Amino acid sequence: MVGAGISTSAGIPDFRSPGSGLYDNLAKYKLPYPAAIFELSYFKRKPAPFFALAKELYPGSFKPTAAHYFIRLLHEKGLLVRHYTQNIDTLDRLAGVPEDKLVEAHGSFHTNHCIRCKKEYDMAWMKEEIFADRVPKCTSCMKIVKPDIVFFGEDLPEKFHKSLDVDFKECDLLIIMGTSLEVHPFAALAQYPGPRCVRLLINRDAVGRLKYTTWMDEQNGDSLLYNRPTNTRDVAYLGDCDAGVLELAKNLGWEEELQELMSTELKLLDKPNAVVKQKSKKDKAAASTSSTH
């Protein structure tokens, strides 16, 4: 389960870091308060600030990080049950994490729908509208077309809710990266695994403890237990997410594989008309096997 912290080294700001976070840098949009830019009611009245921000953050301007490619490598090795992300930047897709392994809990720019008639528009259409500095309007009913991003006040995608029970019954390691564990219901995923599941936090701040994560009740066992004498399951690497996954890969003997994967895939993305979604070795092998039956 990951948040904005795995994408900051790509140049995308997180939301809450003092000074550099997105919410501290929205003054030019003249919002009543920072979070209004992601509130559905405000968007319907004044969509222009959101689309101006979307132009700055739009997918295609950024490349996946070491953390994204580490997740891809987990899939290649057959170890990834599911990848839950709060991020809307689509870098997980760009890194080659397959659709069936991916739960974009807060949606993404990958698909877009009219807020009235629900007509669907693809990513290329939306990009053209945003980069032309137009508020995207439905060609059928002329209402606003909104990226399928979960705003405050909207339900999370059905896939998020349908995957939980099955995924966490299978889970023997939960990696938590680059998230404040403050936004619900996503933050509560940390509580879903059984008591024998190891939880590894790779994060700049010591979240998951009452000091940083105010909703967690240490008396009821809600919090992560790293650095506690009673701890039997939780581990924390406090630092940069990329540095954390590189250290983990090194200790697993995967360092060269991860570096090779990153080098190969980033070169592909540098090519003109690069294919956005590359098939992994594992996916290609599965396709080859199915075609022989």
C-alpha atoms as a PDB file:
ATOM      1  CA  MET A   1       0.000   0.000   0.000  1.00  0.00           C
ATOM      2  CA  VAL A   2       1.545   3.262  -1.139  1.00  0.00           C
ATOM      3  CA  GLY A   3       1.002   7.004  -1.176  1.00  0.00           C
ATOM      4  CA  ALA A   4       2.480  10.131  -2.712  1.00  0.00           C
ATOM      5  CA  GLY A   5       5.886   9.578  -1.095  1.00  0.00           C
ATOM      6  CA  ILE A   6       6.876   7.004  -3.754  1.00  0.00           C
ATOM      7  CA  SER A   7       6.425   9.632  -6.496  1.00  0.00           C
ATOM      8  CA  THR A   8       8.155  12.663  -4.972  1.00  0.00           C
ATOM      9  CA  SER A   9      11.535  11.706  -6.447  1.00  0.00           C
ATOM     10  CA  ALA A  10       9.845  11.804  -9.878  1.00  0.00           C
ATOM     11  CA  GLY A  11       9.123  15.484  -9.248  1.00  0.00           C
ATOM     12  CA  ILE A  12       5.501  15.160  -8.111  1.00  0.00           C
ATOM     13  CA  PRO A  13       4.844  16.896  -4.769  1.00  0.00           C
ATOM     14  CA  ASP A  14       3.129  15.075  -1.951  1.00  0.00           C
ATOM     15  CA  PHE A  15       0.144  16.684  -0.267  1.00  0.00           C
ATOM     16  CA  ARG A  16       1.105  17.475   3.296  1.00  0.00           C
ATOM     17  CA  SER A  17       4.857  18.185   3.571  1.00  0.00           C
ATOM     18  CA  PRO A  18       5.322  21.663   5.077  1.00  0.00           C
ATOM     19  CA  GLY A  19       6.602  24.089   2.454  1.00  0.00           C
ATOM     20  CA  SER A  20       6.950  21.672  -0.463  1.00  0.00           C
ATOM     21  CA  GLY A  21       3.616  19.850  -0.225  1.00  0.00           C
ATOM     22  CA  LEU A  22       0.798  20.488  -2.671  1.00  0.00           C
ATOM     23  CA  TYR A  23      -1.526  21.991  -0.082  1.00  0.00           C
ATOM     24  CA  ASP A  24       1.086  24.620   0.842  1.00  0.00           C
ATOM     25  CA  ASN A  25       1.449  25.777  -2.770  1.00  0.00           C
ATOM     26  CA  LEU A  26      -2.076  26.448  -3.995  1.00  0.00           C
ATOM     27  CA  ALA A  27      -2.318  30.181  -3.219  1.00  0.00           C
ATOM     28  CA  LYS A  28      -2.353  31.134  -6.916  1.00  0.00           C
ATOM     29  CA  TYR A  29      -5.665  29.327  -7.363  1.00  0.00           C
ATOM     30  CA  LYS A  30      -7.395  31.559  -4.767  1.00  0.00           C
ATOM     31  CA  LEU A  31      -9.191  28.691  -3.074  1.00  0.00           C
ATOM     32  CA  PRO A  32     -11.289  29.144   0.078  1.00  0.00           C
ATOM     33  CA  TYR A  33      -9.067  26.421   1.642  1.00  0.00           C
ATOM     34  CA  PRO A  34      -6.528  24.029   0.045  1.00  0.00           C
ATOM     35  CA  ALA A  35      -8.614  20.844   0.098  1.00  0.00           C
ATOM     36  CA  ALA A  36     -11.394  22.592  -1.876  1.00  0.00           C
ATOM     37  CA  ILE A  37      -9.543  21.816  -5.109  1.00  0.00           C
ATOM     38  CA  PHE A  38     -10.476  18.143  -4.584  1.00  0.00           C
ATOM     39  CA  GLU A  39     -14.030  18.688  -3.345  1.00  0.00           C
ATOM     40  CA  LEU A  40     -16.794  17.699  -5.756  1.00  0.00           C
ATOM     41  CA  SER A  41     -19.163  20.521  -4.803  1.00  0.00           C
ATOM     42  CA  TYR A  42     -16.470  23.168  -5.384  1.00  0.00           C
ATOM     43  CA  PHE A  43     -15.361  21.480  -8.627  1.00  0.00           C
ATOM     44  CA  LYS A  44     -18.880  21.651 -10.045  1.00  0.00           C
ATOM     45  CA  ARG A  45     -19.055  25.381  -9.319  1.00  0.00           C
ATOM     46  CA  LYS A  46     -15.465  26.284 -10.223  1.00  0.00           C
ATOM     47  CA  PRO A  47     -13.676  23.564 -12.220  1.00  0.00           C
ATOM     48  CA  ALA A  48     -10.911  25.805 -13.653  1.00  0.00           C
ATOM     49  CA  PRO A  49      -8.521  25.620 -10.637  1.00  0.00           C
ATOM     50  CA  PHE A  50      -8.529  21.814 -10.703  1.00  0.00           C
ATOM     51  CA  PHE A  51      -7.792  21.642 -14.426  1.00  0.00           C
ATOM     52  CA  ALA A  52      -5.018  24.240 -14.099  1.00  0.00           C
ATOM     53  CA  LEU A  53      -3.424  22.078 -11.396  1.00  0.00           C
ATOM     54  CA  ALA A  54      -4.034  18.945 -13.501  1.00  0.00           C
ATOM     55  CA  LYS A  55      -2.006  20.497 -16.307  1.00  0.00           C
ATOM     56  CA  GLU A  56       0.972  20.857 -13.948  1.00  0.00           C
ATOM     57  CA  LEU A  57       0.687  17.304 -12.636  1.00  0.00           C
ATOM     58  CA  TYR A  58      -0.560  15.514 -15.754  1.00  0.00           C
ATOM     59  CA  PRO A  59       0.729  11.976 -16.406  1.00  0.00           C
ATOM     60  CA  GLY A  60       3.325  11.795 -19.155  1.00  0.00           C
ATOM     61  CA  SER A  61       5.465  14.550 -17.690  1.00  0.00           C
ATOM     62  CA  PHE A  62       7.024  12.237 -15.088  1.00  0.00           C
ATOM     63  CA  LYS A  63       8.775   8.857 -14.998  1.00  0.00           C
ATOM     64  CA  PRO A  64       8.444   5.987 -12.515  1.00  0.00           C
ATOM     65  CA  THR A  65      10.826   5.790  -9.584  1.00  0.00           C
ATOM     66  CA  ALA A  66      12.859   2.960  -8.082  1.00  0.00           C
ATOM     67  CA  ALA A  67       9.926   2.290  -5.731  1.00  0.00           C
ATOM     68  CA  HIS A  68       7.571   1.785  -8.697  1.00  0.00           C
ATOM     69  CA  TYR A  69       9.990  -0.593 -10.409  1.00  0.00           C
ATOM     70  CA  PHE A  70      10.516  -2.539  -7.180  1.00  0.00           C
ATOM     71  CA  ILE A  71       6.761  -3.205  -7.161  1.00  0.00           C
ATOM     72  CA  ARG A  72       7.016  -4.338 -10.790  1.00  0.00           C
ATOM     73  CA  LEU A  73       9.869  -6.668  -9.788  1.00  0.00           C
ATOM     74  CA  LEU A  74       7.728  -8.194  -7.027  1.00  0.00           C
ATOM     75  CA  HIS A  75       5.182  -9.022  -9.725  1.00  0.00           C
ATOM     76  CA  GLU A  76       7.835 -10.469 -12.057  1.00  0.00           C
ATOM     77  CA  LYS A  77       8.894 -12.808  -9.252  1.00  0.00           C
ATOM     78  CA  GLY A  78       5.315 -13.963  -8.642  1.00  0.00           C
ATOM     79  CA  LEU A  79       5.188 -12.436  -5.160  1.00  0.00           C
ATOM     80  CA  LEU A  80       2.767  -9.545  -5.632  1.00  0.00           C
ATOM     81  CA  VAL A  81      -0.773 -10.347  -4.497  1.00  0.00           C
ATOM     82  CA  ARG A  82      -2.010  -6.786  -5.074  1.00  0.00           C
ATOM     83  CA  HIS A  83      -0.718  -3.228  -5.238  1.00  0.00           C
ATOM     84  CA  TYR A  84      -2.964  -0.648  -3.554  1.00  0.00           C
ATOM     85  CA  THR A  85      -2.131   2.964  -4.363  1.00  0.00           C
ATOM     86  CA  GLN A  86      -3.535   6.322  -3.305  1.00  0.00           C
ATOM     87  CA  ASN A  87      -1.764   7.990  -6.224  1.00  0.00           C
ATOM     88  CA  ILE A  88      -3.530   9.379  -9.281  1.00  0.00           C
ATOM     89  CA  ASP A  89      -0.357   9.842 -11.353  1.00  0.00           C
ATOM     90  CA  THR A  90      -0.551   6.475 -13.244  1.00  0.00           C
ATOM     91  CA  LEU A  91       3.193   5.871 -12.688  1.00  0.00           C
ATOM     92  CA  ASP A  92       2.385   2.360 -11.459  1.00  0.00           C
ATOM     93  CA  ARG A  93       0.888   1.587 -14.878  1.00  0.00           C
ATOM     94  CA  LEU A  94       3.826   3.228 -16.634  1.00  0.00           C
ATOM     95  CA  ALA A  95       6.226   1.035 -14.636  1.00  0.00           C
ATOM     96  CA  GLY A  96       4.379  -2.043 -15.916  1.00  0.00           C
ATOM     97  CA  VAL A  97       2.320  -3.089 -12.888  1.00  0.00           C
ATOM     98  CA  PRO A  98      -0.488  -5.080 -14.560  1.00  0.00           C
ATOM     99  CA  GLU A  99      -4.106  -3.937 -14.399  1.00  0.00           C
ATOM    100  CA  ASP A 100      -5.238  -7.040 -12.509  1.00  0.00           C
ATOM    101  CA  LYS A 101      -2.642  -6.456  -9.774  1.00  0.00           C
ATOM    102  CA  LEU A 102      -3.423  -2.759  -9.411  1.00  0.00           C
ATOM    103  CA  VAL A 103      -6.022  -1.073  -7.197  1.00  0.00           C
ATOM    104  CA  GLU A 104      -6.056   2.693  -7.740  1.00  0.00           C
ATOM    105  CA  ALA A 105      -7.974   3.468  -4.564  1.00  0.00           C
ATOM    106  CA  HIS A 106      -8.312   7.172  -5.332  1.00  0.00           C
ATOM    107  CA  GLY A 107      -8.783   6.701  -9.072  1.00  0.00           C
ATOM    108  CA  SER A 108      -6.539   8.141 -11.790  1.00  0.00           C
ATOM    109  CA  PHE A 109      -6.410  10.111 -15.035  1.00  0.00           C
ATOM    110  CA  HIS A 110      -6.565   6.851 -17.006  1.00  0.00           C
ATOM    111  CA  THR A 111     -10.299   7.192 -17.720  1.00  0.00           C
ATOM    112  CA  ASN A 112     -12.719  10.150 -17.603  1.00  0.00           C
ATOM    113  CA  HIS A 113     -16.497  10.547 -17.495  1.00  0.00           C
ATOM    114  CA  CYS A 114     -19.105  13.274 -17.983  1.00  0.00           C
ATOM    115  CA  ILE A 115     -20.546  14.236 -14.598  1.00  0.00           C
ATOM    116  CA  ARG A 116     -24.104  14.176 -16.027  1.00  0.00           C
ATOM    117  CA  CYS A 117     -24.537  11.571 -18.795  1.00  0.00           C
ATOM    118  CA  LYS A 118     -21.501   9.452 -17.797  1.00  0.00           C
ATOM    119  CA  LYS A 119     -20.108   9.293 -21.336  1.00  0.00           C
ATOM    120  CA  GLU A 120     -16.530   7.980 -21.182  1.00  0.00           C
ATOM    121  CA  TYR A 121     -13.502   9.775 -22.630  1.00  0.00           C
ATOM    122  CA  ASP A 122      -9.974   8.434 -22.908  1.00  0.00           C
ATOM    123  CA  MET A 123      -6.761   9.844 -21.532  1.00  0.00           C
ATOM    124  CA  ALA A 124      -5.613  11.288 -24.881  1.00  0.00           C
ATOM    125  CA  TRP A 125      -8.837  13.302 -25.279  1.00  0.00           C
ATOM    126  CA  MET A 126      -8.591  14.664 -21.739  1.00  0.00           C
ATOM    127  CA  LYS A 127      -4.943  15.601 -22.169  1.00  0.00           C
ATOM    128  CA  GLU A 128      -5.706  17.542 -25.334  1.00  0.00           C
ATOM    129  CA  GLU A 129      -8.430  19.531 -23.563  1.00  0.00           C
ATOM    130  CA  ILE A 130      -6.341  20.259 -20.469  1.00  0.00           C
ATOM    131  CA  PHE A 131      -3.249  21.334 -22.403  1.00  0.00           C
ATOM    132  CA  ALA A 132      -5.380  23.616 -24.567  1.00  0.00           C
ATOM    133  CA  ASP A 133      -6.431  25.334 -21.301  1.00  0.00           C
ATOM    134  CA  ARG A 134     -10.060  24.375 -21.830  1.00  0.00           C
ATOM    135  CA  VAL A 135     -12.446  23.107 -19.192  1.00  0.00           C
ATOM    136  CA  PRO A 136     -13.330  19.708 -20.745  1.00  0.00           C
ATOM    137  CA  LYS A 137     -16.983  19.588 -21.804  1.00  0.00           C
ATOM    138  CA  CYS A 138     -19.003  16.570 -22.867  1.00  0.00           C
ATOM    139  CA  THR A 139     -19.688  16.457 -26.604  1.00  0.00           C
ATOM    140  CA  SER A 140     -23.151  15.012 -25.914  1.00  0.00           C
ATOM    141  CA  CYS A 141     -24.565  17.171 -23.109  1.00  0.00           C
ATOM    142  CA  MET A 142     -21.940  19.922 -22.656  1.00  0.00           C
ATOM    143  CA  LYS A 143     -21.490  19.241 -18.953  1.00  0.00           C
ATOM    144  CA  ILE A 144     -18.009  18.988 -17.382  1.00  0.00           C
ATOM    145  CA  VAL A 145     -15.956  15.846 -18.026  1.00  0.00           C
ATOM    146  CA  LYS A 146     -14.079  14.816 -14.898  1.00  0.00           C
ATOM    147  CA  PRO A 147     -11.111  12.454 -14.613  1.00  0.00           C
ATOM    148  CA  ASP A 148     -12.010   9.320 -12.662  1.00  0.00           C
ATOM    149  CA  ILE A 149     -10.233  10.640  -9.592  1.00  0.00           C
ATOM    150  CA  VAL A 150     -11.940  10.156  -6.230  1.00  0.00           C
ATOM    151  CA  PHE A 151     -12.765  13.584  -4.810  1.00  0.00           C
ATOM    152  CA  PHE A 152     -13.735  14.202  -1.206  1.00  0.00           C
ATOM    153  CA  GLY A 153     -17.355  13.125  -0.894  1.00  0.00           C
ATOM    154  CA  GLU A 154     -17.131  10.347  -3.521  1.00  0.00           C
ATOM    155  CA  ASP A 155     -17.059   6.588  -3.024  1.00  0.00           C
ATOM    156  CA  LEU A 156     -13.885   4.633  -3.666  1.00  0.00           C
ATOM    157  CA  PRO A 157     -13.891   2.327  -6.708  1.00  0.00           C
ATOM    158  CA  GLU A 158     -15.749  -0.984  -6.426  1.00  0.00           C
ATOM    159  CA  LYS A 159     -12.481  -2.843  -7.072  1.00  0.00           C
ATOM    160  CA  PHE A 160     -11.051  -1.465  -3.816  1.00  0.00           C
ATOM    161  CA  HIS A 161     -13.848  -2.958  -1.717  1.00  0.00           C
ATOM    162  CA  LYS A 162     -14.114  -6.252  -3.643  1.00  0.00           C
ATOM    163  CA  SER A 163     -10.403  -7.085  -3.329  1.00  0.00           C
ATOM    164  CA  LEU A 164      -9.904  -6.585   0.403  1.00  0.00           C
ATOM    165  CA  ASP A 165     -11.043  -9.852   1.971  1.00  0.00           C
ATOM    166  CA  VAL A 166      -9.335 -12.150  -0.510  1.00  0.00           C
ATOM    167  CA  ASP A 167      -6.083 -10.173  -0.700  1.00  0.00           C
ATOM    168  CA  PHE A 168      -5.454  -9.813   3.003  1.00  0.00           C
ATOM    169  CA  LYS A 169      -6.201 -13.439   3.786  1.00  0.00           C
ATOM    170  CA  GLU A 170      -3.300 -14.325   1.480  1.00  0.00           C
ATOM    171  CA  CYS A 171      -0.987 -11.559   2.677  1.00  0.00           C
ATOM    172  CA  ASP A 172       2.133 -12.625   4.602  1.00  0.00           C
ATOM    173  CA  LEU A 173       4.001  -9.326   4.087  1.00  0.00           C
ATOM    174  CA  LEU A 174       2.451  -5.878   3.842  1.00  0.00           C
ATOM    175  CA  ILE A 175       4.788  -3.167   2.552  1.00  0.00           C
ATOM    176  CA  ILE A 176       3.611   0.347   3.472  1.00  0.00           C
ATOM    177  CA  MET A 177       5.410   3.097   1.531  1.00  0.00           C
ATOM    178  CA  GLY A 178       5.240   6.859   1.225  1.00  0.00           C
ATOM    179  CA  THR A 179       1.955   7.458   3.032  1.00  0.00           C
ATOM    180  CA  SER A 180       0.899   9.488   6.047  1.00  0.00           C
ATOM    181  CA  LEU A 181      -1.703   6.848   7.022  1.00  0.00           C
ATOM    182  CA  GLU A 182      -4.125   9.719   7.629  1.00  0.00           C
ATOM    183  CA  VAL A 183      -6.607   9.420   4.750  1.00  0.00           C
ATOM    184  CA  HIS A 184      -9.464   6.964   5.225  1.00  0.00           C
ATOM    185  CA  PRO A 185     -10.563   4.386   4.355  1.00  0.00           C
ATOM    186  CA  PHE A 186      -7.206   3.703   2.661  1.00  0.00           C
ATOM    187  CA  ALA A 187      -5.186   4.123   5.882  1.00  0.00           C
ATOM    188  CA  ALA A 188      -7.135   1.339   7.572  1.00  0.00           C
ATOM    189  CA  LEU A 189      -5.624  -1.227   5.172  1.00  0.00           C
ATOM    190  CA  ALA A 190      -2.696  -1.437   7.593  1.00  0.00           C
ATOM    191  CA  GLN A 191      -5.071  -3.140  10.052  1.00  0.00           C
ATOM    192  CA  TYR A 192      -6.418  -5.775   7.636  1.00  0.00           C
ATOM    193  CA  PRO A 193      -3.654  -8.427   7.677  1.00  0.00           C
ATOM    194  CA  GLY A 194      -3.742 -11.169  10.284  1.00  0.00           C
ATOM    195  CA  PRO A 195      -1.519 -11.031  13.390  1.00  0.00           C
ATOM    196  CA  ARG A 196       1.225 -13.167  11.809  1.00  0.00           C
ATOM    197  CA  CYS A 197       1.648 -10.884   8.777  1.00  0.00           C
ATOM    198  CA  VAL A 198       4.850  -8.837   8.840  1.00  0.00           C
ATOM    199  CA  ARG A 199       4.277  -5.115   8.153  1.00  0.00           C
ATOM    200  CA  LEU A 200       7.231  -3.225   6.669  1.00  0.00           C
ATOM    201  CA  LEU A 201       7.074   0.570   6.725  1.00  0.00           C
ATOM    202  CA  ILE A 202       9.327   2.431   4.272  1.00  0.00           C
ATOM    203  CA  ASN A 203       8.656   6.095   4.898  1.00  0.00           C
ATOM    204  CA  ARG A 204      10.291   9.412   5.713  1.00  0.00           C
ATOM    205  CA  ASP A 205       8.264   9.908   8.907  1.00  0.00           C
ATOM    206  CA  ALA A 206       7.500   7.474  11.707  1.00  0.00           C
ATOM    207  CA  VAL A 207       3.814   7.155  10.829  1.00  0.00           C
ATOM    208  CA  GLY A 208       1.469   4.516  12.162  1.00  0.00           C
ATOM    209  CA  ARG A 209       2.121   5.678  15.708  1.00  0.00           C
ATOM    210  CA  LEU A 210      -0.033   7.990  17.821  1.00  0.00           C
ATOM    211  CA  LYS A 211       2.478  10.860  17.510  1.00  0.00           C
ATOM    212  CA  TYR A 212       2.053  11.030  13.703  1.00  0.00           C
ATOM    213  CA  THR A 213      -1.203   9.179  13.065  1.00  0.00           C
ATOM    214  CA  THR A 214      -3.790  10.585  15.431  1.00  0.00           C
ATOM    215  CA  TRP A 215      -6.617   8.135  14.658  1.00  0.00           C
ATOM    216  CA  MET A 216      -4.630   5.122  15.833  1.00  0.00           C
ATOM    217  CA  ASP A 217      -5.286   3.943  19.372  1.00  0.00           C
ATOM    218  CA  GLU A 218      -2.190   2.326  20.827  1.00  0.00           C
ATOM    219  CA  GLN A 219      -4.203   0.842  23.687  1.00  0.00           C
ATOM    220  CA  ASN A 220      -6.397  -1.101  21.235  1.00  0.00           C
ATOM    221  CA  GLY A 221      -3.479  -2.349  19.148  1.00  0.00           C
ATOM    222  CA  ASP A 222      -4.270  -0.124  16.156  1.00  0.00           C
ATOM    223  CA  SER A 223      -0.784   1.293  15.805  1.00  0.00           C
ATOM    224  CA  LEU A 224       2.328  -0.160  14.191  1.00  0.00           C
ATOM    225  CA  LEU A 225       4.599  -1.632  16.832  1.00  0.00           C
ATOM    226  CA  TYR A 226       8.127  -1.093  15.506  1.00  0.00           C
ATOM    227  CA  ASN A 227      10.661  -0.105  18.210  1.00  0.00           C
ATOM    228  CA  ARG A 228       8.331  -1.399  20.936  1.00  0.00           C
ATOM    229  CA  PRO A 229       9.417  -4.154  23.327  1.00  0.00           C
ATOM    230  CA  THR A 230       6.212  -6.101  22.605  1.00  0.00           C
ATOM    231  CA  ASN A 231       6.718  -5.974  18.828  1.00  0.00           C
ATOM    232  CA  THR A 232       6.756  -9.303  16.979  1.00  0.00           C
ATOM    233  CA  ARG A 233       5.728  -8.241  13.452  1.00  0.00           C
ATOM    234  CA  ASP A 234       6.535  -4.650  12.436  1.00  0.00           C
ATOM    235  CA  VAL A 235       9.702  -3.259  10.834  1.00  0.00           C
ATOM    236  CA  ALA A 236      10.432   0.361   9.875  1.00  0.00           C
ATOM    237  CA  TYR A 237      12.934   1.873   7.438  1.00  0.00           C
ATOM    238  CA  LEU A 238      12.729   5.613   8.061  1.00  0.00           C
ATOM    239  CA  GLY A 239      14.037   7.491   5.055  1.00  0.00           C
ATOM    240  CA  ASP A 240      13.557   8.021   1.339  1.00  0.00           C
ATOM    241  CA  CYS A 241      11.349   5.408  -0.370  1.00  0.00           C
ATOM    242  CA  ASP A 242      13.785   4.845  -3.246  1.00  0.00           C
ATOM    243  CA  ALA A 243      16.665   4.345  -0.827  1.00  0.00           C
ATOM    244  CA  GLY A 244      14.521   1.930   1.173  1.00  0.00           C
ATOM    245  CA  VAL A 245      13.620  -0.302  -1.775  1.00  0.00           C
ATOM    246  CA  LEU A 246      17.202  -0.282  -3.044  1.00  0.00           C
ATOM    247  CA  GLU A 247      18.406  -1.398   0.404  1.00  0.00           C
ATOM    248  CA  LEU A 248      15.730  -4.097   0.507  1.00  0.00           C
ATOM    249  CA  ALA A 249      16.617  -5.286  -3.008  1.00  0.00           C
ATOM    250  CA  LYS A 250      20.290  -5.442  -2.025  1.00  0.00           C
ATOM    251  CA  ASN A 251      19.531  -7.580   1.008  1.00  0.00           C
ATOM    252  CA  LEU A 252      17.337  -9.886  -1.091  1.00  0.00           C
ATOM    253  CA  GLY A 253      20.055 -10.298  -3.717  1.00  0.00           C
ATOM    254  CA  TRP A 254      17.903  -8.481  -6.293  1.00  0.00           C
ATOM    255  CA  GLU A 255      19.941  -5.287  -6.645  1.00  0.00           C
ATOM    256  CA  GLU A 256      21.290  -6.026 -10.137  1.00  0.00           C
ATOM    257  CA  GLU A 257      17.872  -7.173 -11.392  1.00  0.00           C
ATOM    258  CA  LEU A 258      16.206  -4.004 -10.130  1.00  0.00           C
ATOM    259  CA  GLN A 259      18.871  -1.754 -11.636  1.00  0.00           C
ATOM    260  CA  GLU A 260      18.649  -3.600 -14.968  1.00  0.00           C
ATOM    261  CA  LEU A 261      14.859  -3.363 -15.009  1.00  0.00           C
ATOM    262  CA  MET A 262      14.975   0.367 -14.295  1.00  0.00           C
ATOM    263  CA  SER A 263      17.654   1.005 -16.913  1.00  0.00           C
ATOM    264  CA  THR A 264      15.829  -0.959 -19.627  1.00  0.00           C
ATOM    265  CA  GLU A 265      12.382   0.478 -18.949  1.00  0.00           C
ATOM    266  CA  LEU A 266      13.510   4.102 -18.561  1.00  0.00           C
ATOM    267  CA  LYS A 267      15.370   3.886 -21.889  1.00  0.00           C
ATOM    268  CA  LEU A 268      12.157   2.664 -23.516  1.00  0.00           C
ATOM    269  CA  LEU A 269      10.263   5.616 -22.052  1.00  0.00           C
ATOM    270  CA  ASP A 270      12.871   7.990 -23.489  1.00  0.00           C
ATOM    271  CA  LYS A 271      12.139   6.790 -27.018  1.00  0.00           C
ATOM    272  CA  PRO A 272       9.698   8.818 -29.168  1.00  0.00           C
ATOM    273  CA  ASN A 273       6.183   7.348 -29.154  1.00  0.00           C
ATOM    274  CA  ALA A 274       7.147   5.019 -26.311  1.00  0.00           C
ATOM    275  CA  VAL A 275       4.538   2.419 -25.458  1.00  0.00           C
ATOM    276  CA  VAL A 276       3.027   3.452 -22.137  1.00  0.00           C
ATOM    277  CA  LYS A 277       2.406  -0.038 -20.821  1.00  0.00           C
ATOM    278  CA  GLN A 278       5.129  -2.614 -21.304  1.00  0.00           C
ATOM    279  CA  LYS A 279       4.375  -6.284 -20.780  1.00  0.00           C
ATOM    280  CA  SER A 280       6.500  -7.875 -18.105  1.00  0.00           C
ATOM    281  CA  LYS A 281       8.433 -11.099 -18.665  1.00  0.00           C
ATOM    282  CA  LYS A 282       5.921 -12.865 -16.434  1.00  0.00           C
ATOM    283  CA  ASP A 283       2.948 -11.589 -18.475  1.00  0.00           C
ATOM    284  CA  LYS A 284       4.601 -12.568 -21.773  1.00  0.00           C
ATOM    285  CA  ALA A 285       5.318 -16.072 -20.469  1.00  0.00           C
ATOM    286  CA  ALA A 286       1.687 -16.464 -19.337  1.00  0.00           C
ATOM    287  CA  ALA A 287       0.416 -15.325 -22.730  1.00  0.00           C
ATOM    288  CA  SER A 288       2.746 -17.773 -24.497  1.00  0.00           C
ATOM    289  CA  THR A 289       1.591 -20.643 -22.308  1.00  0.00           C
ATOM    290  CA  SER A 290      -2.116 -19.897 -22.829  1.00  0.00           C
ATOM    291  CA  SER A 291      -1.679 -19.737 -26.596  1.00  0.00           C
ATOM    292  CA  THR A 292      -0.409 -23.348 -26.694  1.00  0.00           C
ATOM    293  CA  HIS A 293      -3.626 -24.812 -25.233  1.00  0.00           C
END
